[in-house]
N, C-alpha and C. Protein backbone atom coordinates (compact mmCIF):
# COMPACT_ATOMS: atom_id res chain seq x y z
N MET A 1 -1.21 44.07 -3.49
CA MET A 1 -2.10 43.26 -2.69
C MET A 1 -2.89 42.29 -3.60
N PHE A 2 -3.50 42.83 -4.66
CA PHE A 2 -4.27 41.99 -5.57
C PHE A 2 -3.39 40.94 -6.23
N ARG A 3 -2.18 41.34 -6.63
CA ARG A 3 -1.26 40.41 -7.29
C ARG A 3 -0.89 39.27 -6.34
N THR A 4 -0.60 39.58 -5.09
CA THR A 4 -0.27 38.55 -4.10
C THR A 4 -1.43 37.60 -3.90
N LEU A 5 -2.65 38.12 -3.83
CA LEU A 5 -3.84 37.28 -3.67
C LEU A 5 -4.01 36.38 -4.88
N ALA A 6 -3.81 36.90 -6.08
CA ALA A 6 -3.95 36.10 -7.30
C ALA A 6 -2.93 34.97 -7.34
N ILE A 7 -1.69 35.27 -6.97
CA ILE A 7 -0.65 34.23 -6.95
C ILE A 7 -0.98 33.17 -5.91
N THR A 8 -1.42 33.59 -4.74
CA THR A 8 -1.78 32.65 -3.67
C THR A 8 -2.93 31.75 -4.10
N LEU A 9 -3.95 32.32 -4.72
CA LEU A 9 -5.10 31.52 -5.17
C LEU A 9 -4.70 30.54 -6.27
N THR A 10 -3.85 30.98 -7.19
CA THR A 10 -3.38 30.11 -8.27
C THR A 10 -2.58 28.95 -7.71
N LEU A 11 -1.66 29.24 -6.81
CA LEU A 11 -0.85 28.19 -6.20
C LEU A 11 -1.72 27.24 -5.38
N SER A 12 -2.68 27.78 -4.65
CA SER A 12 -3.59 26.95 -3.86
C SER A 12 -4.39 26.01 -4.75
N PHE A 13 -4.90 26.52 -5.88
CA PHE A 13 -5.65 25.68 -6.82
C PHE A 13 -4.77 24.59 -7.39
N PHE A 14 -3.53 24.94 -7.76
CA PHE A 14 -2.58 23.97 -8.31
C PHE A 14 -2.34 22.85 -7.31
N LEU A 15 -2.09 23.20 -6.06
CA LEU A 15 -1.78 22.19 -5.05
C LEU A 15 -2.97 21.30 -4.74
N GLN A 16 -4.18 21.86 -4.75
CA GLN A 16 -5.37 21.07 -4.45
C GLN A 16 -5.75 20.17 -5.61
N SER A 17 -5.46 20.56 -6.84
CA SER A 17 -5.90 19.80 -8.00
C SER A 17 -4.86 18.81 -8.49
N GLN A 18 -3.64 18.87 -7.98
CA GLN A 18 -2.59 17.98 -8.46
C GLN A 18 -2.83 16.56 -7.95
N ASP A 19 -2.79 15.62 -8.87
CA ASP A 19 -2.90 14.20 -8.53
C ASP A 19 -1.49 13.65 -8.41
N LEU A 20 -1.17 13.07 -7.29
CA LEU A 20 0.17 12.56 -7.04
C LEU A 20 0.37 11.15 -7.58
N SER A 21 -0.65 10.56 -8.17
CA SER A 21 -0.52 9.20 -8.71
C SER A 21 0.54 9.16 -9.80
N GLY A 22 1.36 8.10 -9.78
CA GLY A 22 2.39 7.92 -10.80
C GLY A 22 3.71 7.49 -10.20
N ARG A 23 4.74 7.50 -11.06
CA ARG A 23 6.11 7.12 -10.66
C ARG A 23 6.87 8.37 -10.23
N TRP A 24 7.50 8.28 -9.09
CA TRP A 24 8.31 9.35 -8.55
C TRP A 24 9.71 8.82 -8.29
N LYS A 25 10.72 9.52 -8.81
CA LYS A 25 12.11 9.11 -8.61
C LYS A 25 12.89 10.24 -7.95
N GLY A 26 13.89 9.84 -7.21
CA GLY A 26 14.74 10.82 -6.56
C GLY A 26 15.68 10.14 -5.59
N SER A 27 15.93 10.82 -4.48
CA SER A 27 16.87 10.28 -3.51
C SER A 27 16.65 10.91 -2.14
N PHE A 28 17.28 10.30 -1.15
CA PHE A 28 17.40 10.94 0.14
C PHE A 28 18.86 10.95 0.56
N LYS A 29 19.18 11.91 1.42
CA LYS A 29 20.54 12.03 1.92
C LYS A 29 20.46 12.18 3.43
N ARG A 30 21.10 11.25 4.14
CA ARG A 30 21.13 11.32 5.60
C ARG A 30 21.88 12.57 6.03
N ARG A 31 21.40 13.19 7.10
CA ARG A 31 22.11 14.36 7.63
C ARG A 31 23.50 13.91 8.08
N GLY A 32 24.50 14.59 7.57
CA GLY A 32 25.88 14.23 7.85
C GLY A 32 26.42 13.19 6.88
N GLY A 33 25.56 12.69 5.97
CA GLY A 33 25.98 11.68 5.00
C GLY A 33 26.74 12.29 3.85
N ASP A 34 27.44 11.43 3.10
CA ASP A 34 28.24 11.92 1.99
C ASP A 34 27.73 11.48 0.62
N HIS A 35 26.59 10.79 0.58
CA HIS A 35 26.06 10.38 -0.72
C HIS A 35 24.52 10.26 -0.67
N ASP A 36 23.92 10.36 -1.86
CA ASP A 36 22.48 10.22 -1.99
C ASP A 36 22.11 8.74 -2.11
N ILE A 37 20.95 8.37 -1.59
CA ILE A 37 20.43 7.01 -1.69
C ILE A 37 19.20 7.05 -2.59
N PRO A 38 19.17 6.27 -3.67
CA PRO A 38 18.06 6.34 -4.64
C PRO A 38 16.72 5.94 -4.03
N GLN A 39 15.68 6.54 -4.56
CA GLN A 39 14.31 6.26 -4.16
C GLN A 39 13.43 6.17 -5.39
N LEU A 40 12.49 5.23 -5.37
CA LEU A 40 11.48 5.10 -6.42
C LEU A 40 10.16 4.81 -5.74
N PHE A 41 9.15 5.63 -6.04
CA PHE A 41 7.81 5.44 -5.47
C PHE A 41 6.80 5.26 -6.57
N LEU A 42 5.87 4.34 -6.38
CA LEU A 42 4.73 4.13 -7.26
C LEU A 42 3.51 4.52 -6.44
N LEU A 43 3.04 5.75 -6.64
CA LEU A 43 1.99 6.31 -5.80
C LEU A 43 0.63 6.23 -6.46
N LYS A 44 -0.40 6.08 -5.63
CA LYS A 44 -1.80 6.11 -6.07
C LYS A 44 -2.56 6.99 -5.08
N GLN A 45 -3.08 8.10 -5.57
CA GLN A 45 -3.85 9.01 -4.72
C GLN A 45 -5.33 8.82 -4.99
N ASP A 46 -6.10 8.69 -3.92
CA ASP A 46 -7.56 8.61 -3.99
C ASP A 46 -8.09 9.62 -2.98
N GLY A 47 -8.38 10.82 -3.45
CA GLY A 47 -8.80 11.89 -2.54
C GLY A 47 -7.66 12.28 -1.64
N LEU A 48 -7.87 12.14 -0.33
CA LEU A 48 -6.84 12.49 0.64
C LEU A 48 -5.98 11.29 1.05
N GLN A 49 -6.28 10.12 0.50
CA GLN A 49 -5.54 8.90 0.83
C GLN A 49 -4.46 8.63 -0.21
N LEU A 50 -3.30 8.19 0.28
CA LEU A 50 -2.18 7.86 -0.59
C LEU A 50 -1.75 6.42 -0.30
N THR A 51 -1.69 5.60 -1.36
CA THR A 51 -1.25 4.22 -1.24
C THR A 51 -0.17 3.99 -2.30
N GLY A 52 0.33 2.77 -2.34
CA GLY A 52 1.34 2.42 -3.32
C GLY A 52 2.51 1.73 -2.66
N SER A 53 3.70 1.96 -3.24
CA SER A 53 4.90 1.33 -2.71
C SER A 53 6.10 2.21 -2.97
N GLY A 54 7.19 1.89 -2.28
CA GLY A 54 8.42 2.63 -2.47
C GLY A 54 9.61 1.81 -2.04
N GLY A 55 10.77 2.23 -2.53
CA GLY A 55 12.02 1.55 -2.21
C GLY A 55 13.13 2.14 -3.05
N PRO A 56 14.26 1.45 -3.09
CA PRO A 56 15.38 2.00 -3.86
C PRO A 56 15.24 1.87 -5.37
N ASP A 57 14.46 0.86 -5.83
CA ASP A 57 14.30 0.64 -7.27
C ASP A 57 13.08 -0.24 -7.53
N ASP A 58 12.86 -0.61 -8.81
CA ASP A 58 11.71 -1.43 -9.17
C ASP A 58 11.72 -2.81 -8.52
N SER A 59 12.92 -3.36 -8.28
CA SER A 59 13.01 -4.72 -7.76
C SER A 59 12.85 -4.81 -6.25
N GLU A 60 12.94 -3.70 -5.54
CA GLU A 60 12.79 -3.70 -4.08
C GLU A 60 11.79 -2.62 -3.68
N GLN A 61 10.54 -3.04 -3.49
CA GLN A 61 9.46 -2.13 -3.15
C GLN A 61 8.77 -2.60 -1.87
N TYR A 62 8.32 -1.64 -1.06
CA TYR A 62 7.63 -1.91 0.20
C TYR A 62 6.32 -1.13 0.20
N PRO A 63 5.25 -1.71 0.77
CA PRO A 63 3.96 -1.03 0.75
C PRO A 63 3.95 0.24 1.60
N ILE A 64 3.24 1.24 1.10
CA ILE A 64 3.06 2.48 1.83
C ILE A 64 1.96 2.27 2.87
N ALA A 65 2.20 2.77 4.08
CA ALA A 65 1.20 2.72 5.16
C ALA A 65 0.93 4.15 5.63
N LYS A 66 -0.25 4.37 6.13
CA LYS A 66 -0.65 5.66 6.71
C LYS A 66 -0.40 6.82 5.76
N GLY A 67 -0.67 6.61 4.47
CA GLY A 67 -0.46 7.65 3.47
C GLY A 67 -1.59 8.66 3.49
N ALA A 68 -1.23 9.94 3.59
CA ALA A 68 -2.24 11.00 3.64
C ALA A 68 -1.75 12.24 2.91
N VAL A 69 -2.69 12.89 2.23
CA VAL A 69 -2.43 14.16 1.55
C VAL A 69 -3.33 15.20 2.22
N ASN A 70 -2.72 16.31 2.66
CA ASN A 70 -3.46 17.38 3.31
C ASN A 70 -2.97 18.69 2.72
N GLY A 71 -3.70 19.21 1.71
CA GLY A 71 -3.24 20.41 1.01
C GLY A 71 -1.96 20.09 0.26
N ASN A 72 -0.88 20.80 0.57
CA ASN A 72 0.40 20.53 -0.09
C ASN A 72 1.31 19.64 0.77
N LYS A 73 0.79 19.08 1.85
CA LYS A 73 1.57 18.20 2.74
C LYS A 73 1.25 16.74 2.44
N VAL A 74 2.30 15.92 2.41
CA VAL A 74 2.17 14.50 2.12
C VAL A 74 2.94 13.74 3.19
N ARG A 75 2.25 12.78 3.82
CA ARG A 75 2.91 11.97 4.85
C ARG A 75 2.60 10.50 4.60
N PHE A 76 3.62 9.66 4.80
CA PHE A 76 3.42 8.22 4.71
C PHE A 76 4.59 7.50 5.36
N GLU A 77 4.42 6.18 5.54
CA GLU A 77 5.44 5.34 6.16
C GLU A 77 5.74 4.15 5.28
N LEU A 78 6.98 3.67 5.36
CA LEU A 78 7.41 2.41 4.76
C LEU A 78 8.11 1.63 5.85
N THR A 79 7.91 0.31 5.87
CA THR A 79 8.60 -0.53 6.84
C THR A 79 9.32 -1.64 6.11
N THR A 80 10.62 -1.77 6.38
CA THR A 80 11.43 -2.85 5.83
C THR A 80 11.75 -3.82 6.98
N ALA A 81 12.51 -4.85 6.69
CA ALA A 81 12.88 -5.80 7.73
C ALA A 81 13.73 -5.16 8.83
N ARG A 82 14.45 -4.08 8.49
CA ARG A 82 15.36 -3.47 9.46
C ARG A 82 14.95 -2.09 9.96
N SER A 83 14.12 -1.37 9.21
CA SER A 83 13.85 0.03 9.57
C SER A 83 12.43 0.45 9.21
N LYS A 84 12.00 1.52 9.88
CA LYS A 84 10.75 2.20 9.53
C LYS A 84 11.13 3.58 9.01
N PHE A 85 10.55 3.95 7.87
CA PHE A 85 10.83 5.22 7.21
C PHE A 85 9.58 6.09 7.30
N LEU A 86 9.69 7.26 7.91
CA LEU A 86 8.56 8.18 8.06
C LEU A 86 8.83 9.42 7.21
N TYR A 87 8.02 9.60 6.18
CA TYR A 87 8.18 10.70 5.23
C TYR A 87 7.24 11.84 5.58
N ASP A 88 7.76 13.06 5.55
CA ASP A 88 6.99 14.28 5.77
C ASP A 88 7.40 15.24 4.66
N LEU A 89 6.60 15.26 3.58
CA LEU A 89 6.98 15.95 2.35
C LEU A 89 6.03 17.09 2.02
N THR A 90 6.49 17.97 1.14
CA THR A 90 5.69 19.08 0.64
C THR A 90 5.68 19.03 -0.88
N VAL A 91 4.50 19.21 -1.47
CA VAL A 91 4.37 19.29 -2.92
C VAL A 91 4.88 20.65 -3.36
N THR A 92 5.77 20.66 -4.36
CA THR A 92 6.30 21.92 -4.88
C THR A 92 5.65 22.22 -6.23
N ALA A 93 5.67 23.48 -6.61
CA ALA A 93 5.05 23.90 -7.87
C ALA A 93 5.75 23.29 -9.08
N GLY A 94 6.98 22.85 -8.94
CA GLY A 94 7.73 22.28 -10.05
C GLY A 94 7.59 20.77 -10.17
N ALA A 95 6.44 20.22 -9.83
CA ALA A 95 6.16 18.78 -9.89
C ALA A 95 7.15 17.98 -9.04
N GLY A 96 7.38 18.46 -7.83
CA GLY A 96 8.28 17.76 -6.94
C GLY A 96 7.67 17.48 -5.58
N LEU A 97 8.28 16.57 -4.87
CA LEU A 97 7.98 16.29 -3.47
C LEU A 97 9.31 16.41 -2.72
N ASN A 98 9.38 17.33 -1.79
CA ASN A 98 10.61 17.56 -1.05
C ASN A 98 10.28 17.61 0.43
N GLY A 99 11.23 17.20 1.26
CA GLY A 99 10.99 17.31 2.69
C GLY A 99 11.91 16.47 3.53
N ASP A 100 11.36 16.01 4.64
CA ASP A 100 12.14 15.33 5.66
C ASP A 100 11.77 13.85 5.75
N LEU A 101 12.75 13.09 6.21
CA LEU A 101 12.58 11.66 6.41
C LEU A 101 13.22 11.30 7.75
N GLU A 102 12.48 10.52 8.54
CA GLU A 102 13.02 9.98 9.77
C GLU A 102 13.15 8.48 9.58
N ILE A 103 14.34 7.95 9.85
CA ILE A 103 14.61 6.53 9.67
C ILE A 103 14.84 5.93 11.06
N ARG A 104 13.93 5.05 11.47
CA ARG A 104 14.02 4.44 12.79
C ARG A 104 14.42 2.98 12.66
N SER A 105 15.49 2.62 13.36
CA SER A 105 15.87 1.21 13.45
C SER A 105 15.96 0.86 14.94
N VAL A 106 16.33 -0.36 15.25
CA VAL A 106 16.31 -0.83 16.64
C VAL A 106 17.12 0.07 17.57
N ASN A 107 18.31 0.44 17.18
CA ASN A 107 19.20 1.17 18.08
C ASN A 107 19.49 2.61 17.68
N ARG A 108 18.77 3.13 16.68
CA ARG A 108 19.13 4.47 16.23
C ARG A 108 18.00 5.13 15.45
N VAL A 109 18.04 6.45 15.42
CA VAL A 109 17.13 7.26 14.62
C VAL A 109 17.98 8.22 13.81
N ASP A 110 17.80 8.19 12.50
CA ASP A 110 18.51 9.10 11.59
C ASP A 110 17.51 10.05 10.94
N LYS A 111 17.99 11.21 10.56
CA LYS A 111 17.21 12.19 9.81
C LYS A 111 17.82 12.33 8.42
N ALA A 112 16.97 12.61 7.45
CA ALA A 112 17.43 12.78 6.08
C ALA A 112 16.56 13.80 5.37
N THR A 113 17.05 14.30 4.24
CA THR A 113 16.26 15.16 3.37
C THR A 113 15.95 14.38 2.10
N VAL A 114 14.75 14.62 1.56
CA VAL A 114 14.24 13.88 0.40
C VAL A 114 13.92 14.84 -0.73
N GLU A 115 14.27 14.44 -1.95
CA GLU A 115 13.88 15.17 -3.16
C GLU A 115 13.38 14.17 -4.18
N LEU A 116 12.14 14.32 -4.63
CA LEU A 116 11.53 13.43 -5.62
C LEU A 116 10.94 14.25 -6.75
N ARG A 117 10.95 13.68 -7.95
CA ARG A 117 10.33 14.30 -9.12
C ARG A 117 9.42 13.29 -9.79
N LYS A 118 8.29 13.75 -10.26
CA LYS A 118 7.33 12.87 -10.93
C LYS A 118 7.80 12.61 -12.36
N GLU A 119 7.81 11.33 -12.73
CA GLU A 119 8.16 10.97 -14.11
C GLU A 119 6.97 11.24 -15.01
N LYS A 120 7.25 11.61 -16.22
CA LYS A 120 6.17 11.91 -17.18
C LYS A 120 5.78 10.68 -17.94
């Protein structure tokens, strides 16, 4: 019991004290897709607010909207000329952001999984 409480408190402290600001690289994969699509995010965390930009690489970046951090949950949106990307991610103990992505375009909605790692 004590060991479980100690691990829970340690993990809770880690998640609350982690600053998500920085470069994050990774990819997303559409459900049913056969390849990963690269992702690069330049994040800036100010308390519970998350701003910055994201896209496939340094040359194609879009501003983050509605960025929020709530404990170990991270949510934000990106809008391109063709689609809106809604990210629902979880901070992992291994310096990662993993979770779900909903991609909305005019005639379709796709789901994807996301894996990001913070660059040092």
